[in-house]
Amino acid sequence: MRAIMPPAQSGPYPDRHLHCQMLMEERFRAVLDDAVAAGWALDEAATAMVELADNQVLMIMANAETDDEIARAIKSR
């Protein structure tokens, strides 16, 4: 399996998120295939991946909020 390639350029550019999806698709499909081969239904595996991704985004947002609160507390000292 190939490594995931880096962004086409640094910083924002049109379709950056789509580009990321395209580059990650092979690995994504491999994980789904592995789950199905292990006995999980495709819809179960796909739903699990959606929920894992959602939880990851929520964690990133919560960590950013906590970092902001810590920075504000330190600044207000």
PDB file of N, CA and C in Angstrom:
ATOM      1  N   MET A   1       0.849  -1.177   0.000  1.00  0.00           N
ATOM      2  CA  MET A   1       0.000   0.000   0.000  1.00  0.00           C
ATOM      3  C   MET A   1       0.895   1.241   0.000  1.00  0.00           C
ATOM      4  N   ARG A   2       0.527   2.189  -0.809  1.00  0.00           N
ATOM      5  CA  ARG A   2       1.320   3.417  -0.916  1.00  0.00           C
ATOM      6  C   ARG A   2       1.122   4.320   0.300  1.00  0.00           C
ATOM      7  N   ALA A   3       2.126   5.129   0.558  1.00  0.00           N
ATOM      8  CA  ALA A   3       2.017   6.139   1.611  1.00  0.00           C
ATOM      9  C   ALA A   3       1.061   7.235   1.139  1.00  0.00           C
ATOM     10  N   ILE A   4       0.443   7.895   2.074  1.00  0.00           N
ATOM     11  CA  ILE A   4      -0.420   9.023   1.720  1.00  0.00           C
ATOM     12  C   ILE A   4       0.468  10.198   1.346  1.00  0.00           C
ATOM     13  N   MET A   5       0.218  10.741   0.180  1.00  0.00           N
ATOM     14  CA  MET A   5       1.018  11.852  -0.324  1.00  0.00           C
ATOM     15  C   MET A   5       0.668  13.138   0.422  1.00  0.00           C
ATOM     16  N   PRO A   6       1.609  14.072   0.502  1.00  0.00           N
ATOM     17  CA  PRO A   6       1.338  15.345   1.169  1.00  0.00           C
ATOM     18  C   PRO A   6       0.462  16.240   0.289  1.00  0.00           C
ATOM     19  N   PRO A   7      -0.021  17.356   0.846  1.00  0.00           N
ATOM     20  CA  PRO A   7      -0.797  18.300   0.044  1.00  0.00           C
ATOM     21  C   PRO A   7       0.006  18.771  -1.178  1.00  0.00           C
ATOM     22  N   ALA A   8      -0.711  19.170  -2.212  1.00  0.00           N
ATOM     23  CA  ALA A   8      -0.066  19.625  -3.442  1.00  0.00           C
ATOM     24  C   ALA A   8       0.759  20.884  -3.207  1.00  0.00           C
ATOM     25  N   GLN A   9       0.351  21.679  -2.233  1.00  0.00           N
ATOM     26  CA  GLN A   9       1.091  22.889  -1.866  1.00  0.00           C
ATOM     27  C   GLN A   9       0.786  23.231  -0.425  1.00  0.00           C
ATOM     28  N   SER A  10       1.617  24.026   0.183  1.00  0.00           N
ATOM     29  CA  SER A  10       1.355  24.417   1.564  1.00  0.00           C
ATOM     30  C   SER A  10       0.277  25.495   1.581  1.00  0.00           C
ATOM     31  N   GLY A  11      -0.438  25.554   2.667  1.00  0.00           N
ATOM     32  CA  GLY A  11      -1.492  26.546   2.791  1.00  0.00           C
ATOM     33  C   GLY A  11      -2.745  26.144   2.027  1.00  0.00           C
ATOM     34  N   PRO A  12      -3.772  26.967   2.153  1.00  0.00           N
ATOM     35  CA  PRO A  12      -5.036  26.638   1.499  1.00  0.00           C
ATOM     36  C   PRO A  12      -4.931  26.716  -0.023  1.00  0.00           C
ATOM     37  N   TYR A  13      -5.701  25.871  -0.700  1.00  0.00           N
ATOM     38  CA  TYR A  13      -5.834  25.945  -2.155  1.00  0.00           C
ATOM     39  C   TYR A  13      -7.178  25.330  -2.534  1.00  0.00           C
ATOM     40  N   PRO A  14      -7.708  25.659  -3.710  1.00  0.00           N
ATOM     41  CA  PRO A  14      -9.010  25.120  -4.091  1.00  0.00           C
ATOM     42  C   PRO A  14      -9.016  23.587  -4.042  1.00  0.00           C
ATOM     43  N   ASP A  15     -10.077  23.036  -3.519  1.00  0.00           N
ATOM     44  CA  ASP A  15     -10.292  21.591  -3.438  1.00  0.00           C
ATOM     45  C   ASP A  15      -9.271  20.860  -2.566  1.00  0.00           C
ATOM     46  N   ARG A  16      -8.649  21.555  -1.621  1.00  0.00           N
ATOM     47  CA  ARG A  16      -7.672  20.911  -0.739  1.00  0.00           C
ATOM     48  C   ARG A  16      -8.306  19.730   0.003  1.00  0.00           C
ATOM     49  N   HIS A  17      -9.523  19.934   0.539  1.00  0.00           N
ATOM     50  CA  HIS A  17     -10.180  18.849   1.277  1.00  0.00           C
ATOM     51  C   HIS A  17     -10.502  17.675   0.353  1.00  0.00           C
ATOM     52  N   LEU A  18     -10.942  17.948  -0.861  1.00  0.00           N
ATOM     53  CA  LEU A  18     -11.219  16.878  -1.818  1.00  0.00           C
ATOM     54  C   LEU A  18      -9.936  16.124  -2.170  1.00  0.00           C
ATOM     55  N   HIS A  19      -8.859  16.861  -2.338  1.00  0.00           N
ATOM     56  CA  HIS A  19      -7.554  16.256  -2.634  1.00  0.00           C
ATOM     57  C   HIS A  19      -7.154  15.308  -1.497  1.00  0.00           C
ATOM     58  N   CYS A  20      -7.335  15.746  -0.266  1.00  0.00           N
ATOM     59  CA  CYS A  20      -7.017  14.912   0.899  1.00  0.00           C
ATOM     60  C   CYS A  20      -7.856  13.638   0.883  1.00  0.00           C
ATOM     61  N   GLN A  21      -9.143  13.771   0.602  1.00  0.00           N
ATOM     62  CA  GLN A  21     -10.017  12.600   0.537  1.00  0.00           C
ATOM     63  C   GLN A  21      -9.539  11.613  -0.519  1.00  0.00           C
ATOM     64  N   MET A  22      -9.208  12.126  -1.680  1.00  0.00           N
ATOM     65  CA  MET A  22      -8.762  11.255  -2.771  1.00  0.00           C
ATOM     66  C   MET A  22      -7.491  10.504  -2.390  1.00  0.00           C
ATOM     67  N   LEU A  23      -6.576  11.189  -1.698  1.00  0.00           N
ATOM     68  CA  LEU A  23      -5.313  10.559  -1.322  1.00  0.00           C
ATOM     69  C   LEU A  23      -5.481   9.555  -0.184  1.00  0.00           C
ATOM     70  N   MET A  24      -6.520   9.713   0.623  1.00  0.00           N
ATOM     71  CA  MET A  24      -6.756   8.802   1.740  1.00  0.00           C
ATOM     72  C   MET A  24      -7.680   7.642   1.370  1.00  0.00           C
ATOM     73  N   GLU A  25      -8.315   7.708   0.211  1.00  0.00           N
ATOM     74  CA  GLU A  25      -9.342   6.730  -0.135  1.00  0.00           C
ATOM     75  C   GLU A  25      -8.835   5.292  -0.152  1.00  0.00           C
ATOM     76  N   GLU A  26      -7.634   5.057  -0.653  1.00  0.00           N
ATOM     77  CA  GLU A  26      -7.103   3.694  -0.720  1.00  0.00           C
ATOM     78  C   GLU A  26      -7.016   3.072   0.678  1.00  0.00           C
ATOM     79  N   ARG A  27      -6.503   3.826   1.626  1.00  0.00           N
ATOM     80  CA  ARG A  27      -6.394   3.323   3.002  1.00  0.00           C
ATOM     81  C   ARG A  27      -7.773   3.124   3.629  1.00  0.00           C
ATOM     82  N   PHE A  28      -8.663   4.069   3.360  1.00  0.00           N
ATOM     83  CA  PHE A  28     -10.033   3.990   3.873  1.00  0.00           C
ATOM     84  C   PHE A  28     -10.689   2.700   3.395  1.00  0.00           C
ATOM     85  N   ARG A  29     -10.599   2.437   2.105  1.00  0.00           N
ATOM     86  CA  ARG A  29     -11.205   1.227   1.542  1.00  0.00           C
ATOM     87  C   ARG A  29     -10.530  -0.039   2.087  1.00  0.00           C
ATOM     88  N   ALA A  30      -9.238   0.026   2.329  1.00  0.00           N
ATOM     89  CA  ALA A  30      -8.527  -1.129   2.883  1.00  0.00           C
ATOM     90  C   ALA A  30      -9.035  -1.452   4.291  1.00  0.00           C
ATOM     91  N   VAL A  31      -9.270  -0.430   5.097  1.00  0.00           N
ATOM     92  CA  VAL A  31      -9.799  -0.658   6.448  1.00  0.00           C
ATOM     93  C   VAL A  31     -11.196  -1.266   6.357  1.00  0.00           C
ATOM     94  N   LEU A  32     -12.030  -0.744   5.461  1.00  0.00           N
ATOM     95  CA  LEU A  32     -13.362  -1.326   5.278  1.00  0.00           C
ATOM     96  C   LEU A  32     -13.267  -2.782   4.843  1.00  0.00           C
ATOM     97  N   ASP A  33     -12.389  -3.066   3.888  1.00  0.00           N
ATOM     98  CA  ASP A  33     -12.208  -4.443   3.423  1.00  0.00           C
ATOM     99  C   ASP A  33     -11.759  -5.356   4.558  1.00  0.00           C
ATOM    100  N   ASP A  34     -10.841  -4.873   5.392  1.00  0.00           N
ATOM    101  CA  ASP A  34     -10.367  -5.665   6.537  1.00  0.00           C
ATOM    102  C   ASP A  34     -11.508  -5.955   7.511  1.00  0.00           C
ATOM    103  N   ALA A  35     -12.350  -4.952   7.754  1.00  0.00           N
ATOM    104  CA  ALA A  35     -13.469  -5.142   8.676  1.00  0.00           C
ATOM    105  C   ALA A  35     -14.464  -6.161   8.116  1.00  0.00           C
ATOM    106  N   VAL A  36     -14.753  -6.054   6.822  1.00  0.00           N
ATOM    107  CA  VAL A  36     -15.676  -6.998   6.191  1.00  0.00           C
ATOM    108  C   VAL A  36     -15.083  -8.408   6.216  1.00  0.00           C
ATOM    109  N   ALA A  37     -13.791  -8.518   5.942  1.00  0.00           N
ATOM    110  CA  ALA A  37     -13.125  -9.830   5.976  1.00  0.00           C
ATOM    111  C   ALA A  37     -13.153 -10.429   7.383  1.00  0.00           C
ATOM    112  N   ALA A  38     -13.194  -9.569   8.403  1.00  0.00           N
ATOM    113  CA  ALA A  38     -13.243 -10.044   9.784  1.00  0.00           C
ATOM    114  C   ALA A  38     -14.658 -10.426  10.217  1.00  0.00           C
ATOM    115  N   GLY A  39     -15.644 -10.160   9.356  1.00  0.00           N
ATOM    116  CA  GLY A  39     -17.000 -10.560   9.675  1.00  0.00           C
ATOM    117  C   GLY A  39     -17.998  -9.445   9.915  1.00  0.00           C
ATOM    118  N   TRP A  40     -17.548  -8.203   9.827  1.00  0.00           N
ATOM    119  CA  TRP A  40     -18.460  -7.080  10.004  1.00  0.00           C
ATOM    120  C   TRP A  40     -19.151  -6.796   8.674  1.00  0.00           C
ATOM    121  N   ALA A  41     -20.405  -6.355   8.746  1.00  0.00           N
ATOM    122  CA  ALA A  41     -21.122  -5.949   7.540  1.00  0.00           C
ATOM    123  C   ALA A  41     -20.540  -4.620   7.057  1.00  0.00           C
ATOM    124  N   LEU A  42     -20.573  -4.418   5.750  1.00  0.00           N
ATOM    125  CA  LEU A  42     -20.012  -3.187   5.179  1.00  0.00           C
ATOM    126  C   LEU A  42     -20.663  -1.945   5.776  1.00  0.00           C
ATOM    127  N   ASP A  43     -21.981  -1.962   5.946  1.00  0.00           N
ATOM    128  CA  ASP A  43     -22.644  -0.785   6.516  1.00  0.00           C
ATOM    129  C   ASP A  43     -22.236  -0.559   7.965  1.00  0.00           C
ATOM    130  N   GLU A  44     -22.012  -1.646   8.726  1.00  0.00           N
ATOM    131  CA  GLU A  44     -21.533  -1.500  10.110  1.00  0.00           C
ATOM    132  C   GLU A  44     -20.156  -0.864  10.139  1.00  0.00           C
ATOM    133  N   ALA A  45     -19.276  -1.354   9.280  1.00  0.00           N
ATOM    134  CA  ALA A  45     -17.902  -0.847   9.252  1.00  0.00           C
ATOM    135  C   ALA A  45     -17.874   0.610   8.811  1.00  0.00           C
ATOM    136  N   ALA A  46     -18.648   0.940   7.787  1.00  0.00           N
ATOM    137  CA  ALA A  46     -18.680   2.326   7.301  1.00  0.00           C
ATOM    138  C   ALA A  46     -19.251   3.256   8.363  1.00  0.00           C
ATOM    139  N   THR A  47     -20.316   2.808   9.034  1.00  0.00           N
ATOM    140  CA  THR A  47     -20.909   3.625  10.101  1.00  0.00           C
ATOM    141  C   THR A  47     -19.918   3.819  11.243  1.00  0.00           C
ATOM    142  N   ALA A  48     -19.195   2.778  11.587  1.00  0.00           N
ATOM    143  CA  ALA A  48     -18.190   2.890  12.644  1.00  0.00           C
ATOM    144  C   ALA A  48     -17.121   3.907  12.270  1.00  0.00           C
ATOM    145  N   MET A  49     -16.711   3.894  10.996  1.00  0.00           N
ATOM    146  CA  MET A  49     -15.679   4.851  10.561  1.00  0.00           C
ATOM    147  C   MET A  49     -16.203   6.280  10.601  1.00  0.00           C
ATOM    148  N   VAL A  50     -17.466   6.483  10.218  1.00  0.00           N
ATOM    149  CA  VAL A  50     -18.066   7.819  10.300  1.00  0.00           C
ATOM    150  C   VAL A  50     -18.080   8.292  11.747  1.00  0.00           C
ATOM    151  N   GLU A  51     -18.487   7.407  12.650  1.00  0.00           N
ATOM    152  CA  GLU A  51     -18.549   7.775  14.062  1.00  0.00           C
ATOM    153  C   GLU A  51     -17.161   8.028  14.642  1.00  0.00           C
ATOM    154  N   LEU A  52     -16.177   7.236  14.236  1.00  0.00           N
ATOM    155  CA  LEU A  52     -14.801   7.478  14.681  1.00  0.00           C
ATOM    156  C   LEU A  52     -14.303   8.838  14.183  1.00  0.00           C
ATOM    157  N   ALA A  53     -14.586   9.143  12.933  1.00  0.00           N
ATOM    158  CA  ALA A  53     -14.168  10.438  12.379  1.00  0.00           C
ATOM    159  C   ALA A  53     -14.863  11.585  13.109  1.00  0.00           C
ATOM    160  N   ASP A  54     -16.160  11.431  13.376  1.00  0.00           N
ATOM    161  CA  ASP A  54     -16.907  12.456  14.092  1.00  0.00           C
ATOM    162  C   ASP A  54     -16.327  12.664  15.492  1.00  0.00           C
ATOM    163  N   ASN A  55     -16.040  11.567  16.179  1.00  0.00           N
ATOM    164  CA  ASN A  55     -15.450  11.669  17.520  1.00  0.00           C
ATOM    165  C   ASN A  55     -14.084  12.340  17.479  1.00  0.00           C
ATOM    166  N   GLN A  56     -13.318  12.071  16.431  1.00  0.00           N
ATOM    167  CA  GLN A  56     -11.999  12.700  16.289  1.00  0.00           C
ATOM    168  C   GLN A  56     -12.147  14.210  16.135  1.00  0.00           C
ATOM    169  N   VAL A  57     -13.094  14.644  15.305  1.00  0.00           N
ATOM    170  CA  VAL A  57     -13.326  16.076  15.111  1.00  0.00           C
ATOM    171  C   VAL A  57     -13.782  16.718  16.421  1.00  0.00           C
ATOM    172  N   LEU A  58     -14.686  16.058  17.136  1.00  0.00           N
ATOM    173  CA  LEU A  58     -15.140  16.597  18.427  1.00  0.00           C
ATOM    174  C   LEU A  58     -13.982  16.721  19.405  1.00  0.00           C
ATOM    175  N   MET A  59     -13.075  15.735  19.413  1.00  0.00           N
ATOM    176  CA  MET A  59     -11.912  15.797  20.299  1.00  0.00           C
ATOM    177  C   MET A  59     -11.005  16.967  19.915  1.00  0.00           C
ATOM    178  N   ILE A  60     -10.765  17.148  18.628  1.00  0.00           N
ATOM    179  CA  ILE A  60      -9.919  18.254  18.166  1.00  0.00           C
ATOM    180  C   ILE A  60     -10.520  19.584  18.598  1.00  0.00           C
ATOM    181  N   MET A  61     -11.840  19.719  18.416  1.00  0.00           N
ATOM    182  CA  MET A  61     -12.510  20.965  18.796  1.00  0.00           C
ATOM    183  C   MET A  61     -12.457  21.188  20.306  1.00  0.00           C
ATOM    184  N   ALA A  62     -12.671  20.139  21.081  1.00  0.00           N
ATOM    185  CA  ALA A  62     -12.631  20.263  22.543  1.00  0.00           C
ATOM    186  C   ALA A  62     -11.233  20.625  23.015  1.00  0.00           C
ATOM    187  N   ASN A  63     -10.217  20.006  22.417  1.00  0.00           N
ATOM    188  CA  ASN A  63      -8.832  20.331  22.790  1.00  0.00           C
ATOM    189  C   ASN A  63      -8.492  21.774  22.447  1.00  0.00           C
ATOM    190  N   ALA A  64      -8.952  22.253  21.294  1.00  0.00           N
ATOM    191  CA  ALA A  64      -8.695  23.640  20.908  1.00  0.00           C
ATOM    192  C   ALA A  64      -9.380  24.600  21.881  1.00  0.00           C
ATOM    193  N   GLU A  65     -10.609  24.267  22.277  1.00  0.00           N
ATOM    194  CA  GLU A  65     -11.333  25.097  23.231  1.00  0.00           C
ATOM    195  C   GLU A  65     -10.607  25.116  24.580  1.00  0.00           C
ATOM    196  N   THR A  66     -10.145  23.968  25.029  1.00  0.00           N
ATOM    197  CA  THR A  66      -9.405  23.896  26.288  1.00  0.00           C
ATOM    198  C   THR A  66      -8.116  24.701  26.204  1.00  0.00           C
ATOM    199  N   ASP A  67      -7.394  24.580  25.089  1.00  0.00           N
ATOM    200  CA  ASP A  67      -6.168  25.359  24.901  1.00  0.00           C
ATOM    201  C   ASP A  67      -6.458  26.856  24.956  1.00  0.00           C
ATOM    202  N   ASP A  68      -7.567  27.283  24.321  1.00  0.00           N
ATOM    203  CA  ASP A  68      -7.950  28.699  24.345  1.00  0.00           C
ATOM    204  C   ASP A  68      -8.271  29.158  25.769  1.00  0.00           C
ATOM    205  N   GLU A  69      -8.983  28.328  26.512  1.00  0.00           N
ATOM    206  CA  GLU A  69      -9.326  28.676  27.892  1.00  0.00           C
ATOM    207  C   GLU A  69      -8.075  28.776  28.763  1.00  0.00           C
ATOM    208  N   ILE A  70      -7.140  27.866  28.571  1.00  0.00           N
ATOM    209  CA  ILE A  70      -5.881  27.919  29.328  1.00  0.00           C
ATOM    210  C   ILE A  70      -5.110  29.183  28.978  1.00  0.00           C
ATOM    211  N   ALA A  71      -5.035  29.511  27.696  1.00  0.00           N
ATOM    212  CA  ALA A  71      -4.319  30.718  27.269  1.00  0.00           C
ATOM    213  C   ALA A  71      -4.973  31.971  27.851  1.00  0.00           C
ATOM    214  N   ARG A  72      -6.314  32.012  27.853  1.00  0.00           N
ATOM    215  CA  ARG A  72      -7.017  33.170  28.437  1.00  0.00           C
ATOM    216  C   ARG A  72      -6.749  33.260  29.934  1.00  0.00           C
ATOM    217  N   ALA A  73      -6.739  32.111  30.634  1.00  0.00           N
ATOM    218  CA  ALA A  73      -6.491  32.119  32.075  1.00  0.00           C
ATOM    219  C   ALA A  73      -5.083  32.602  32.391  1.00  0.00           C
ATOM    220  N   ILE A  74      -4.130  32.157  31.604  1.00  0.00           N
ATOM    221  CA  ILE A  74      -2.739  32.579  31.815  1.00  0.00           C
ATOM    222  C   ILE A  74      -2.600  34.081  31.526  1.00  0.00           C
ATOM    223  N   LYS A  75      -3.253  34.532  30.485  1.00  0.00           N
ATOM    224  CA  LYS A  75      -3.169  35.946  30.104  1.00  0.00           C
ATOM    225  C   LYS A  75      -3.822  36.853  31.161  1.00  0.00           C
ATOM    226  N   SER A  76      -4.871  36.357  31.806  1.00  0.00           N
ATOM    227  CA  SER A  76      -5.590  37.192  32.783  1.00  0.00           C
ATOM    228  C   SER A  76      -4.957  37.179  34.161  1.00  0.00           C
ATOM    229  N   ARG A  77      -3.878  36.445  34.332  1.00  0.00           N
ATOM    230  CA  ARG A  77      -3.197  36.377  35.635  1.00  0.00           C
ATOM    231  C   ARG A  77      -2.610  37.686  36.019  1.00  0.00           C
TER     232      ARG A  77
END
